[in-house]
């Protein structure tokens, strides 16, 4: 005859000692896997920082029709802009009623999207402010004007975009102020014929 307690122990499964041994082996296996994973991860080469990708609105060519979603200010990787009308320009613009007035513009060498690029001056108003390139669309370079000097008329000189410039085939610079529907042509200073 068999002992009924021993028989019931067999029916219940493994003994306490067996469970302790299995648990110890499982803990050791898990510890080994964690150690192996940490060793493998530490031996991978460090990931190099990704170089910034110009946003979809960044412009390299003036023939682009991108919007003015722009790259971050002071980004060292901004591309140079082709055919930028650099230098000093002067000319005359006319409003729809036929009034004309002189305009002077200076665009610096390091001009890029969302960066201060130079100055614009309309002496007869007077309005003298800094210009920031905000967009290039259909060969037009669009600038925002801000930071007017103390001599500027605050009733007339308002900050904002809408100062458009486009290089003409003859080397002159077409000017358009979209907010007043004013247009003119400027010549590069020092390159007069």
Protein backbone atom coordinates (compact mmCIF):
# COMPACT_ATOMS: atom_id res chain seq x y z
CA UNK A 1 0.00 0.00 0.00
CA UNK A 2 1.09 3.54 -0.60
CA UNK A 3 0.95 6.42 1.83
CA UNK A 4 -2.05 8.68 0.93
CA UNK A 5 -0.11 11.92 1.75
CA UNK A 6 2.72 10.99 -0.60
CA UNK A 7 0.21 10.15 -3.31
CA UNK A 8 -1.53 13.51 -2.89
CA UNK A 9 1.88 15.31 -3.08
CA UNK A 10 2.58 13.67 -6.42
CA UNK A 11 -0.79 14.81 -7.70
CA UNK A 12 -0.15 18.43 -6.61
CA UNK A 13 3.02 18.76 -8.70
CA UNK A 14 6.64 19.55 -7.88
CA UNK A 15 8.04 19.82 -4.40
CA UNK A 16 9.01 23.11 -2.77
CA UNK A 17 12.70 22.34 -3.30
CA UNK A 18 12.13 21.78 -7.03
CA UNK A 19 10.27 25.11 -7.39
CA UNK A 20 13.10 26.91 -5.57
CA UNK A 21 15.66 25.39 -7.94
CA UNK A 22 13.60 26.34 -11.04
CA UNK A 23 13.14 29.92 -9.74
CA UNK A 24 16.89 30.27 -9.14
CA UNK A 25 17.65 29.08 -12.70
CA UNK A 26 15.04 31.48 -14.16
CA UNK A 27 16.47 34.45 -12.24
CA UNK A 28 19.98 33.54 -13.40
CA UNK A 29 18.81 33.31 -17.06
CA UNK A 30 17.06 36.68 -16.91
CA UNK A 31 20.12 38.27 -15.31
CA UNK A 32 22.32 36.81 -18.05
CA UNK A 33 20.05 38.14 -20.81
CA UNK A 34 20.03 41.64 -19.30
CA UNK A 35 23.83 41.61 -18.93
CA UNK A 36 24.30 40.39 -22.53
CA UNK A 37 21.92 43.05 -23.87
CA UNK A 38 23.70 45.86 -22.02
CA UNK A 39 27.09 44.65 -23.32
CA UNK A 40 25.81 44.53 -26.91
CA UNK A 41 24.24 47.98 -26.66
CA UNK A 42 27.38 49.53 -25.17
CA UNK A 43 29.52 48.18 -28.05
CA UNK A 44 27.41 49.88 -30.77
CA UNK A 45 29.06 52.97 -32.27
CA UNK A 46 27.54 56.18 -30.96
CA UNK A 47 24.97 57.61 -33.30
CA UNK A 48 26.21 60.71 -35.07
CA UNK A 49 24.03 63.76 -34.73
CA UNK A 50 21.86 64.10 -37.78
CA UNK A 51 22.65 67.06 -39.94
CA UNK A 52 19.77 69.49 -40.12
CA UNK A 53 17.65 69.10 -43.21
CA UNK A 54 16.49 72.37 -44.70
CA UNK A 55 12.74 72.74 -44.23
CA UNK A 56 10.55 72.31 -47.27
CA UNK A 57 10.21 76.07 -47.66
CA UNK A 58 13.96 76.79 -47.73
CA UNK A 59 14.97 78.24 -51.04
CA UNK A 60 18.16 77.70 -52.99
CA UNK A 61 17.03 78.97 -56.37
CA UNK A 62 14.94 82.06 -57.10
CA UNK A 63 12.87 79.99 -59.55
CA UNK A 64 11.28 78.06 -56.70
CA UNK A 65 7.64 78.62 -55.87
CA UNK A 66 7.94 77.45 -52.26
CA UNK A 67 6.16 79.14 -49.42
CA UNK A 68 8.08 81.05 -46.80
CA UNK A 69 8.23 78.31 -44.20
CA UNK A 70 11.73 78.93 -43.29
CA UNK A 71 14.86 77.56 -41.77
CA UNK A 72 15.78 78.51 -38.24
CA UNK A 73 17.41 81.89 -37.76
CA UNK A 74 21.18 81.82 -37.53
CA UNK A 75 21.34 78.29 -38.99
CA UNK A 76 24.95 77.67 -40.07
CA UNK A 77 23.87 75.25 -42.79
CA UNK A 78 21.55 77.52 -44.75
CA UNK A 79 22.27 77.32 -48.47
CA UNK A 80 23.50 80.34 -50.42
CA UNK A 81 20.73 81.83 -52.51
CA UNK A 82 21.35 82.00 -56.23
CA UNK A 83 21.12 85.34 -58.03
CA UNK A 84 20.54 87.36 -54.86
CA UNK A 85 20.47 91.08 -55.79
CA UNK A 86 23.35 92.05 -53.51
CA UNK A 87 24.72 95.53 -53.07
CA UNK A 88 23.32 99.07 -53.04
CA UNK A 89 20.42 99.98 -55.31
CA UNK A 90 18.66 103.30 -55.96
CA UNK A 91 15.73 104.29 -58.10
CA UNK A 92 12.29 105.80 -58.29
CA UNK A 93 8.92 104.20 -57.54
CA UNK A 94 5.43 105.38 -58.48
CA UNK A 95 2.15 104.80 -56.67
CA UNK A 96 -1.17 104.27 -58.53
CA UNK A 97 -1.99 108.01 -58.44
CA UNK A 98 1.28 108.85 -60.23
CA UNK A 99 3.26 110.20 -57.27
CA UNK A 100 6.93 109.25 -57.51
CA UNK A 101 9.56 109.01 -54.79
CA UNK A 102 13.15 107.75 -54.50
CA UNK A 103 13.99 104.40 -52.89
CA UNK A 104 17.37 103.16 -51.68
CA UNK A 105 18.05 99.54 -50.79
CA UNK A 106 21.14 97.75 -49.53
CA UNK A 107 21.26 93.94 -49.49
CA UNK A 108 24.20 92.38 -47.64
CA UNK A 109 26.40 89.50 -48.82
CA UNK A 110 25.25 87.02 -46.13
CA UNK A 111 21.52 87.44 -46.78
CA UNK A 112 19.45 84.28 -46.27
CA UNK A 113 15.89 83.30 -45.41
CA UNK A 114 14.65 84.78 -42.10
CA UNK A 115 17.81 86.79 -41.55
CA UNK A 116 18.34 90.54 -41.44
CA UNK A 117 19.71 91.36 -44.87
CA UNK A 118 20.20 95.10 -45.00
CA UNK A 119 18.23 98.35 -45.13
CA UNK A 120 15.61 100.18 -47.14
CA UNK A 121 15.11 103.92 -47.19
CA UNK A 122 12.36 106.11 -48.64
CA UNK A 123 13.73 109.59 -47.76
CA UNK A 124 10.69 111.66 -48.78
CA UNK A 125 8.33 109.96 -46.29
CA UNK A 126 10.74 109.37 -44.36
CA UNK A 127 10.93 105.59 -43.75
CA UNK A 128 14.24 103.91 -42.94
CA UNK A 129 14.16 100.31 -41.75
CA UNK A 130 15.89 96.94 -41.70
CA UNK A 131 14.90 94.28 -44.21
CA UNK A 132 14.60 90.53 -43.61
CA UNK A 133 14.28 88.02 -46.47
CA UNK A 134 11.05 86.05 -45.92
CA UNK A 135 10.31 84.37 -49.26
CA UNK A 136 11.41 83.80 -52.84
CA UNK A 137 8.62 83.15 -55.30
CA UNK A 138 8.53 83.46 -59.10
CA UNK A 139 11.91 85.25 -59.21
CA UNK A 140 10.76 87.80 -56.61
CA UNK A 141 12.69 88.23 -53.37
CA UNK A 142 10.22 89.25 -50.67
CA UNK A 143 11.45 91.24 -47.70
CA UNK A 144 9.87 92.20 -44.40
CA UNK A 145 10.64 95.72 -43.12
CA UNK A 146 11.02 96.41 -39.39
CA UNK A 147 13.12 98.29 -36.83
CA UNK A 148 12.53 101.76 -38.29
CA UNK A 149 14.96 104.42 -37.12
CA UNK A 150 13.99 107.49 -35.07
CA UNK A 151 13.75 109.71 -38.18
CA UNK A 152 10.99 107.52 -39.69
CA UNK A 153 7.35 108.65 -39.61
CA UNK A 154 5.55 106.18 -37.29
CA UNK A 155 2.14 107.09 -38.79
CA UNK A 156 3.21 105.82 -42.21
CA UNK A 157 6.09 103.39 -41.60
CA UNK A 158 4.54 100.11 -40.47
CA UNK A 159 6.47 96.84 -40.11
CA UNK A 160 5.57 93.91 -42.34
CA UNK A 161 6.27 91.96 -45.50
CA UNK A 162 5.45 92.94 -49.05
CA UNK A 163 8.64 94.59 -50.33
CA UNK A 164 9.38 92.63 -53.54
CA UNK A 165 12.50 92.82 -55.69
CA UNK A 166 13.27 90.99 -58.96
CA UNK A 167 16.40 91.11 -61.10
CA UNK A 168 15.66 92.24 -64.64
CA UNK A 169 17.49 90.91 -67.74
CA UNK A 170 19.20 94.31 -68.21
CA UNK A 171 20.78 94.12 -64.72
CA UNK A 172 18.40 96.55 -63.04
CA UNK A 173 16.14 95.69 -60.10
CA UNK A 174 12.34 95.77 -60.31
CA UNK A 175 10.63 96.98 -57.11
CA UNK A 176 7.07 96.38 -55.98
CA UNK A 177 5.34 97.25 -52.69
CA UNK A 178 2.29 94.99 -52.59
CA UNK A 179 0.55 96.85 -49.76
CA UNK A 180 0.47 100.19 -51.71
CA UNK A 181 0.55 98.75 -55.26
CA UNK A 182 3.69 100.82 -55.89
CA UNK A 183 6.26 99.88 -58.53
CA UNK A 184 9.62 101.12 -59.73
CA UNK A 185 13.03 100.24 -61.13
CA UNK A 186 16.32 100.56 -59.25
CA UNK A 187 19.88 100.62 -60.57
CA UNK A 188 22.91 99.18 -58.84
CA UNK A 189 25.16 101.88 -57.44
CA UNK A 190 28.67 101.90 -58.86
CA UNK A 191 27.56 100.05 -62.03
CA UNK A 192 25.94 102.87 -63.95
CA UNK A 193 26.34 102.92 -67.71
